[in-house]
Amino acid sequence: MALDKPYKDVPGTTIFDAEQSRLGYHLNQFCMSLMKAENRTRFKADERAYLDEWPMTEEQKQAVLARDLNRCIAAGGNIYFLAKIGATDGKSFQYMAASMTGMTQDEYAKMMLAGGRSADGNRYIGEKK
């Protein structure tokens, strides 16, 4: 990789940059296909068969099947595209965000209403407070 990416030093953070975009192109295109009702119906009828129509990696397919959004993001997924999966499942964006943190939707909402996460431990690894 030719570019210096200092943001790779942020704990627990995947930045959706050009490299991630290329990695997740087909995953994100699959997600966009879910904007059409007929595709949502086909996906829900046989998720694996529908995923196999897309030239995604097996890791991407398994992440979708498990609804593991953190794995999807690591595999190039963009949260705004991945939201289509949640919508297909009848889940809110808040529910999806909570699932990525290991919190319930209620816990996540309370945390956000209280000001969000502390910056402690969420800065660049070498950054001083």
N, C-alpha and C. Protein backbone atom coordinates (compact mmCIF):
# COMPACT_ATOMS: atom_id res chain seq x y z
N MET A 1 0.85 -1.16 0.00
CA MET A 1 0.00 0.00 0.00
C MET A 1 0.90 1.23 0.00
N ALA A 2 0.67 2.14 -0.93
CA ALA A 2 1.55 3.28 -1.13
C ALA A 2 1.28 4.43 -0.17
N LEU A 3 0.06 4.58 0.28
CA LEU A 3 -0.29 5.74 1.09
C LEU A 3 -0.06 5.48 2.58
N ASP A 4 0.46 6.50 3.25
CA ASP A 4 0.58 6.45 4.71
C ASP A 4 -0.82 6.69 5.27
N LYS A 5 -1.24 5.84 6.17
CA LYS A 5 -2.58 5.95 6.73
C LYS A 5 -2.49 6.02 8.25
N PRO A 6 -2.24 7.21 8.78
CA PRO A 6 -2.11 7.31 10.24
C PRO A 6 -3.39 6.95 10.97
N TYR A 7 -4.53 7.02 10.30
CA TYR A 7 -5.79 6.70 10.95
C TYR A 7 -5.95 5.21 11.22
N LYS A 8 -5.06 4.40 10.69
CA LYS A 8 -5.11 2.96 10.99
C LYS A 8 -4.71 2.70 12.44
N ASP A 9 -4.24 3.75 13.14
CA ASP A 9 -3.77 3.65 14.50
C ASP A 9 -4.87 3.99 15.52
N VAL A 10 -6.13 4.03 15.07
CA VAL A 10 -7.24 4.31 15.98
C VAL A 10 -7.84 2.97 16.41
N PRO A 11 -7.79 2.66 17.71
CA PRO A 11 -8.27 1.34 18.16
C PRO A 11 -9.73 1.09 17.79
N GLY A 12 -10.00 -0.09 17.24
CA GLY A 12 -11.36 -0.50 16.96
C GLY A 12 -12.05 0.26 15.84
N THR A 13 -11.29 0.94 15.01
CA THR A 13 -11.88 1.78 13.97
C THR A 13 -11.43 1.32 12.59
N THR A 14 -12.38 1.13 11.69
CA THR A 14 -12.08 0.85 10.30
C THR A 14 -12.57 2.05 9.50
N ILE A 15 -11.67 2.70 8.82
CA ILE A 15 -12.01 3.86 8.00
C ILE A 15 -12.39 3.37 6.61
N PHE A 16 -13.53 3.81 6.12
CA PHE A 16 -13.96 3.44 4.77
C PHE A 16 -13.25 4.36 3.77
N ASP A 17 -12.12 3.89 3.29
CA ASP A 17 -11.32 4.64 2.33
C ASP A 17 -11.36 3.92 0.98
N ALA A 18 -10.55 4.37 0.06
CA ALA A 18 -10.56 3.78 -1.29
C ALA A 18 -10.23 2.29 -1.25
N GLU A 19 -9.30 1.90 -0.41
CA GLU A 19 -8.94 0.48 -0.29
C GLU A 19 -10.12 -0.35 0.20
N GLN A 20 -10.81 0.13 1.24
CA GLN A 20 -11.98 -0.57 1.75
C GLN A 20 -13.10 -0.60 0.71
N SER A 21 -13.23 0.48 -0.02
CA SER A 21 -14.26 0.56 -1.06
C SER A 21 -14.04 -0.53 -2.12
N ARG A 22 -12.80 -0.69 -2.53
CA ARG A 22 -12.50 -1.74 -3.52
C ARG A 22 -12.75 -3.13 -2.94
N LEU A 23 -12.33 -3.32 -1.70
CA LEU A 23 -12.50 -4.61 -1.03
C LEU A 23 -13.98 -4.99 -0.92
N GLY A 24 -14.82 -4.01 -0.61
CA GLY A 24 -16.22 -4.30 -0.36
C GLY A 24 -17.16 -3.99 -1.50
N TYR A 25 -16.64 -3.75 -2.69
CA TYR A 25 -17.49 -3.32 -3.81
C TYR A 25 -18.70 -4.24 -4.00
N HIS A 26 -18.49 -5.53 -4.13
CA HIS A 26 -19.60 -6.45 -4.41
C HIS A 26 -20.52 -6.62 -3.19
N LEU A 27 -19.95 -6.59 -2.00
CA LEU A 27 -20.76 -6.63 -0.78
C LEU A 27 -21.70 -5.43 -0.74
N ASN A 28 -21.17 -4.26 -1.02
CA ASN A 28 -21.99 -3.05 -0.99
C ASN A 28 -23.00 -3.02 -2.13
N GLN A 29 -22.66 -3.58 -3.28
CA GLN A 29 -23.62 -3.66 -4.38
C GLN A 29 -24.75 -4.61 -4.04
N PHE A 30 -24.41 -5.73 -3.38
CA PHE A 30 -25.45 -6.64 -2.89
C PHE A 30 -26.41 -5.88 -1.98
N CYS A 31 -25.85 -5.12 -1.03
CA CYS A 31 -26.70 -4.36 -0.09
C CYS A 31 -27.62 -3.41 -0.84
N MET A 32 -27.11 -2.73 -1.83
CA MET A 32 -27.92 -1.79 -2.60
C MET A 32 -29.02 -2.50 -3.37
N SER A 33 -28.78 -3.76 -3.73
CA SER A 33 -29.82 -4.52 -4.45
C SER A 33 -31.05 -4.69 -3.59
N LEU A 34 -30.88 -4.64 -2.27
CA LEU A 34 -31.99 -4.83 -1.34
C LEU A 34 -32.94 -3.64 -1.30
N MET A 35 -32.65 -2.61 -2.06
CA MET A 35 -33.57 -1.48 -2.16
C MET A 35 -34.81 -1.85 -2.98
N LYS A 36 -34.72 -2.92 -3.77
CA LYS A 36 -35.86 -3.36 -4.58
C LYS A 36 -36.60 -4.47 -3.84
N ALA A 37 -37.91 -4.33 -3.75
CA ALA A 37 -38.74 -5.28 -3.01
C ALA A 37 -38.55 -6.71 -3.51
N GLU A 38 -38.49 -6.88 -4.82
CA GLU A 38 -38.35 -8.25 -5.34
C GLU A 38 -37.04 -8.89 -4.91
N ASN A 39 -35.98 -8.09 -4.78
CA ASN A 39 -34.69 -8.63 -4.32
C ASN A 39 -34.73 -8.95 -2.83
N ARG A 40 -35.40 -8.13 -2.04
CA ARG A 40 -35.55 -8.44 -0.61
C ARG A 40 -36.31 -9.74 -0.43
N THR A 41 -37.34 -9.94 -1.23
CA THR A 41 -38.14 -11.17 -1.16
C THR A 41 -37.28 -12.38 -1.52
N ARG A 42 -36.52 -12.27 -2.59
CA ARG A 42 -35.64 -13.37 -3.00
C ARG A 42 -34.58 -13.66 -1.94
N PHE A 43 -34.00 -12.61 -1.39
CA PHE A 43 -32.97 -12.78 -0.36
C PHE A 43 -33.55 -13.48 0.86
N LYS A 44 -34.70 -13.03 1.33
CA LYS A 44 -35.28 -13.62 2.53
C LYS A 44 -35.74 -15.07 2.28
N ALA A 45 -36.10 -15.39 1.06
CA ALA A 45 -36.55 -16.76 0.73
C ALA A 45 -35.41 -17.76 0.80
N ASP A 46 -34.20 -17.36 0.37
CA ASP A 46 -33.03 -18.24 0.38
C ASP A 46 -31.79 -17.35 0.38
N GLU A 47 -31.38 -16.96 1.56
CA GLU A 47 -30.29 -16.00 1.69
C GLU A 47 -29.01 -16.48 1.03
N ARG A 48 -28.66 -17.72 1.27
CA ARG A 48 -27.40 -18.22 0.70
C ARG A 48 -27.44 -18.23 -0.82
N ALA A 49 -28.54 -18.69 -1.40
CA ALA A 49 -28.64 -18.73 -2.86
C ALA A 49 -28.53 -17.32 -3.44
N TYR A 50 -29.17 -16.35 -2.80
CA TYR A 50 -29.10 -14.98 -3.31
C TYR A 50 -27.67 -14.44 -3.18
N LEU A 51 -27.03 -14.69 -2.06
CA LEU A 51 -25.65 -14.24 -1.88
C LEU A 51 -24.72 -14.87 -2.91
N ASP A 52 -24.98 -16.14 -3.25
CA ASP A 52 -24.12 -16.83 -4.22
C ASP A 52 -24.23 -16.25 -5.63
N GLU A 53 -25.21 -15.41 -5.87
CA GLU A 53 -25.30 -14.72 -7.16
C GLU A 53 -24.31 -13.55 -7.26
N TRP A 54 -23.70 -13.22 -6.14
CA TRP A 54 -22.78 -12.08 -6.09
C TRP A 54 -21.35 -12.58 -5.95
N PRO A 55 -20.40 -11.95 -6.66
CA PRO A 55 -18.99 -12.39 -6.56
C PRO A 55 -18.31 -11.87 -5.30
N MET A 56 -18.92 -12.18 -4.16
CA MET A 56 -18.37 -11.79 -2.87
C MET A 56 -17.47 -12.90 -2.35
N THR A 57 -16.60 -12.55 -1.40
CA THR A 57 -15.78 -13.58 -0.78
C THR A 57 -16.65 -14.41 0.17
N GLU A 58 -16.18 -15.59 0.50
CA GLU A 58 -16.91 -16.42 1.45
C GLU A 58 -16.99 -15.72 2.80
N GLU A 59 -15.94 -15.03 3.20
CA GLU A 59 -15.96 -14.28 4.46
C GLU A 59 -17.06 -13.23 4.45
N GLN A 60 -17.23 -12.52 3.35
CA GLN A 60 -18.29 -11.51 3.25
C GLN A 60 -19.66 -12.17 3.36
N LYS A 61 -19.84 -13.29 2.66
CA LYS A 61 -21.13 -13.99 2.70
C LYS A 61 -21.43 -14.48 4.11
N GLN A 62 -20.44 -15.06 4.77
CA GLN A 62 -20.65 -15.57 6.13
C GLN A 62 -20.96 -14.42 7.10
N ALA A 63 -20.32 -13.29 6.91
CA ALA A 63 -20.58 -12.13 7.77
C ALA A 63 -22.02 -11.64 7.59
N VAL A 64 -22.50 -11.63 6.35
CA VAL A 64 -23.90 -11.23 6.10
C VAL A 64 -24.85 -12.24 6.73
N LEU A 65 -24.61 -13.51 6.51
CA LEU A 65 -25.50 -14.54 7.06
C LEU A 65 -25.56 -14.48 8.58
N ALA A 66 -24.43 -14.15 9.21
CA ALA A 66 -24.37 -14.05 10.67
C ALA A 66 -24.87 -12.69 11.16
N ARG A 67 -25.12 -11.78 10.22
CA ARG A 67 -25.52 -10.39 10.55
C ARG A 67 -24.48 -9.77 11.48
N ASP A 68 -23.21 -10.11 11.22
CA ASP A 68 -22.09 -9.58 11.99
C ASP A 68 -21.57 -8.33 11.26
N LEU A 69 -22.10 -7.20 11.65
CA LEU A 69 -21.77 -5.96 10.95
C LEU A 69 -20.31 -5.56 11.12
N ASN A 70 -19.70 -5.89 12.24
CA ASN A 70 -18.29 -5.58 12.41
C ASN A 70 -17.44 -6.37 11.40
N ARG A 71 -17.79 -7.63 11.19
CA ARG A 71 -17.09 -8.43 10.17
C ARG A 71 -17.35 -7.88 8.78
N CYS A 72 -18.59 -7.46 8.53
CA CYS A 72 -18.92 -6.88 7.22
C CYS A 72 -18.08 -5.63 6.96
N ILE A 73 -17.94 -4.79 7.97
CA ILE A 73 -17.14 -3.57 7.81
C ILE A 73 -15.68 -3.92 7.58
N ALA A 74 -15.15 -4.87 8.34
CA ALA A 74 -13.76 -5.30 8.14
C ALA A 74 -13.55 -5.85 6.73
N ALA A 75 -14.62 -6.41 6.14
CA ALA A 75 -14.55 -7.00 4.79
C ALA A 75 -14.92 -5.98 3.71
N GLY A 76 -14.94 -4.71 4.05
CA GLY A 76 -15.17 -3.66 3.05
C GLY A 76 -16.56 -3.08 3.02
N GLY A 77 -17.42 -3.52 3.91
CA GLY A 77 -18.77 -2.98 3.93
C GLY A 77 -18.82 -1.55 4.46
N ASN A 78 -19.70 -0.78 3.91
CA ASN A 78 -19.94 0.59 4.37
C ASN A 78 -21.25 0.58 5.15
N ILE A 79 -21.26 1.18 6.33
CA ILE A 79 -22.43 1.09 7.20
C ILE A 79 -23.69 1.61 6.52
N TYR A 80 -23.57 2.59 5.65
CA TYR A 80 -24.76 3.14 4.99
C TYR A 80 -25.33 2.16 3.96
N PHE A 81 -24.49 1.33 3.39
CA PHE A 81 -24.98 0.25 2.53
C PHE A 81 -25.50 -0.91 3.38
N LEU A 82 -24.75 -1.26 4.43
CA LEU A 82 -25.14 -2.37 5.30
C LEU A 82 -26.48 -2.13 5.97
N ALA A 83 -26.85 -0.88 6.13
CA ALA A 83 -28.16 -0.56 6.73
C ALA A 83 -29.30 -1.19 5.94
N LYS A 84 -29.10 -1.46 4.66
CA LYS A 84 -30.14 -2.09 3.84
C LYS A 84 -30.44 -3.50 4.33
N ILE A 85 -29.43 -4.18 4.88
CA ILE A 85 -29.66 -5.52 5.44
C ILE A 85 -30.56 -5.40 6.67
N GLY A 86 -30.24 -4.46 7.53
CA GLY A 86 -31.07 -4.24 8.72
C GLY A 86 -32.49 -3.89 8.35
N ALA A 87 -32.64 -3.02 7.38
CA ALA A 87 -33.99 -2.64 6.95
C ALA A 87 -34.74 -3.85 6.40
N THR A 88 -34.05 -4.71 5.67
CA THR A 88 -34.66 -5.93 5.14
C THR A 88 -35.13 -6.83 6.28
N ASP A 89 -34.39 -6.82 7.38
CA ASP A 89 -34.75 -7.63 8.55
C ASP A 89 -35.73 -6.91 9.47
N GLY A 90 -36.12 -5.68 9.11
CA GLY A 90 -37.04 -4.93 9.95
C GLY A 90 -36.38 -4.35 11.19
N LYS A 91 -35.07 -4.13 11.13
CA LYS A 91 -34.32 -3.61 12.27
C LYS A 91 -33.96 -2.14 12.04
N SER A 92 -33.96 -1.36 13.10
CA SER A 92 -33.60 0.05 13.02
C SER A 92 -32.09 0.21 12.93
N PHE A 93 -31.68 1.39 12.51
CA PHE A 93 -30.25 1.70 12.47
C PHE A 93 -29.69 1.68 13.89
N GLN A 94 -30.48 2.15 14.85
CA GLN A 94 -30.05 2.15 16.24
C GLN A 94 -29.82 0.72 16.73
N TYR A 95 -30.70 -0.20 16.35
CA TYR A 95 -30.53 -1.60 16.70
C TYR A 95 -29.21 -2.13 16.12
N MET A 96 -28.97 -1.79 14.86
CA MET A 96 -27.75 -2.26 14.20
C MET A 96 -26.50 -1.70 14.88
N ALA A 97 -26.50 -0.41 15.19
CA ALA A 97 -25.36 0.20 15.87
C ALA A 97 -25.13 -0.46 17.22
N ALA A 98 -26.20 -0.71 17.94
CA ALA A 98 -26.08 -1.37 19.24
C ALA A 98 -25.45 -2.75 19.09
N SER A 99 -25.86 -3.48 18.06
CA SER A 99 -25.32 -4.83 17.85
C SER A 99 -23.82 -4.80 17.61
N MET A 100 -23.32 -3.71 17.09
CA MET A 100 -21.89 -3.58 16.82
C MET A 100 -21.09 -3.28 18.07
N THR A 101 -21.77 -2.85 19.13
CA THR A 101 -21.08 -2.49 20.37
C THR A 101 -21.22 -3.55 21.45
N GLY A 102 -22.07 -4.55 21.21
CA GLY A 102 -22.33 -5.56 22.22
C GLY A 102 -23.36 -5.12 23.25
N MET A 103 -24.04 -4.01 22.95
CA MET A 103 -25.07 -3.50 23.85
C MET A 103 -26.45 -3.84 23.30
N THR A 104 -27.44 -3.77 24.19
CA THR A 104 -28.81 -3.85 23.71
C THR A 104 -29.16 -2.51 23.08
N GLN A 105 -30.25 -2.48 22.35
CA GLN A 105 -30.67 -1.21 21.75
C GLN A 105 -30.96 -0.17 22.83
N ASP A 106 -31.57 -0.58 23.93
CA ASP A 106 -31.88 0.35 25.02
C ASP A 106 -30.60 0.87 25.67
N GLU A 107 -29.65 -0.01 25.93
CA GLU A 107 -28.37 0.42 26.52
C GLU A 107 -27.66 1.40 25.60
N TYR A 108 -27.67 1.10 24.31
CA TYR A 108 -27.01 1.97 23.33
C TYR A 108 -27.68 3.35 23.30
N ALA A 109 -29.01 3.38 23.29
CA ALA A 109 -29.72 4.65 23.26
C ALA A 109 -29.41 5.47 24.50
N LYS A 110 -29.39 4.84 25.65
CA LYS A 110 -29.07 5.55 26.89
C LYS A 110 -27.65 6.10 26.86
N MET A 111 -26.71 5.32 26.37
CA MET A 111 -25.32 5.76 26.28
C MET A 111 -25.21 6.97 25.36
N MET A 112 -25.88 6.92 24.22
CA MET A 112 -25.82 8.04 23.28
C MET A 112 -26.50 9.29 23.85
N LEU A 113 -27.62 9.11 24.52
CA LEU A 113 -28.32 10.24 25.13
C LEU A 113 -27.51 10.87 26.26
N ALA A 114 -26.65 10.07 26.87
CA ALA A 114 -25.79 10.57 27.95
C ALA A 114 -24.50 11.19 27.42
N GLY A 115 -24.37 11.32 26.12
CA GLY A 115 -23.19 11.98 25.54
C GLY A 115 -22.27 11.07 24.76
N GLY A 116 -22.61 9.81 24.63
CA GLY A 116 -21.79 8.90 23.82
C GLY A 116 -20.66 8.28 24.62
N ARG A 117 -19.77 7.63 23.91
CA ARG A 117 -18.63 6.97 24.55
C ARG A 117 -17.57 7.98 24.95
N SER A 118 -16.86 7.63 25.98
CA SER A 118 -15.72 8.43 26.40
C SER A 118 -14.63 8.33 25.33
N ALA A 119 -13.88 9.39 25.19
CA ALA A 119 -12.74 9.36 24.25
C ALA A 119 -11.59 8.55 24.80
N ASP A 120 -11.58 8.28 26.09
CA ASP A 120 -10.51 7.49 26.69
C ASP A 120 -10.44 6.12 26.03
N GLY A 121 -9.27 5.78 25.53
CA GLY A 121 -9.07 4.50 24.87
C GLY A 121 -9.52 4.48 23.42
N ASN A 122 -10.03 5.59 22.92
CA ASN A 122 -10.52 5.66 21.55
C ASN A 122 -9.78 6.71 20.72
N ARG A 123 -8.58 7.03 21.13
CA ARG A 123 -7.74 7.97 20.39
C ARG A 123 -6.68 7.19 19.64
N TYR A 124 -5.85 7.92 18.88
CA TYR A 124 -4.68 7.28 18.31
C TYR A 124 -3.90 6.61 19.43
N ILE A 125 -3.35 5.46 19.17
CA ILE A 125 -2.65 4.70 20.19
C ILE A 125 -1.54 5.54 20.83
N GLY A 126 -0.81 6.31 20.05
CA GLY A 126 0.30 7.10 20.58
C GLY A 126 -0.09 8.48 21.07
N GLU A 127 -1.36 8.86 20.96
CA GLU A 127 -1.79 10.20 21.33
C GLU A 127 -1.89 10.36 22.85
N LYS A 128 -1.48 11.51 23.31
CA LYS A 128 -1.61 11.81 24.74
C LYS A 128 -2.95 12.48 24.98
N LYS A 129 -3.49 12.31 26.16
CA LYS A 129 -4.78 12.91 26.52
C LYS A 129 -4.67 14.41 26.64
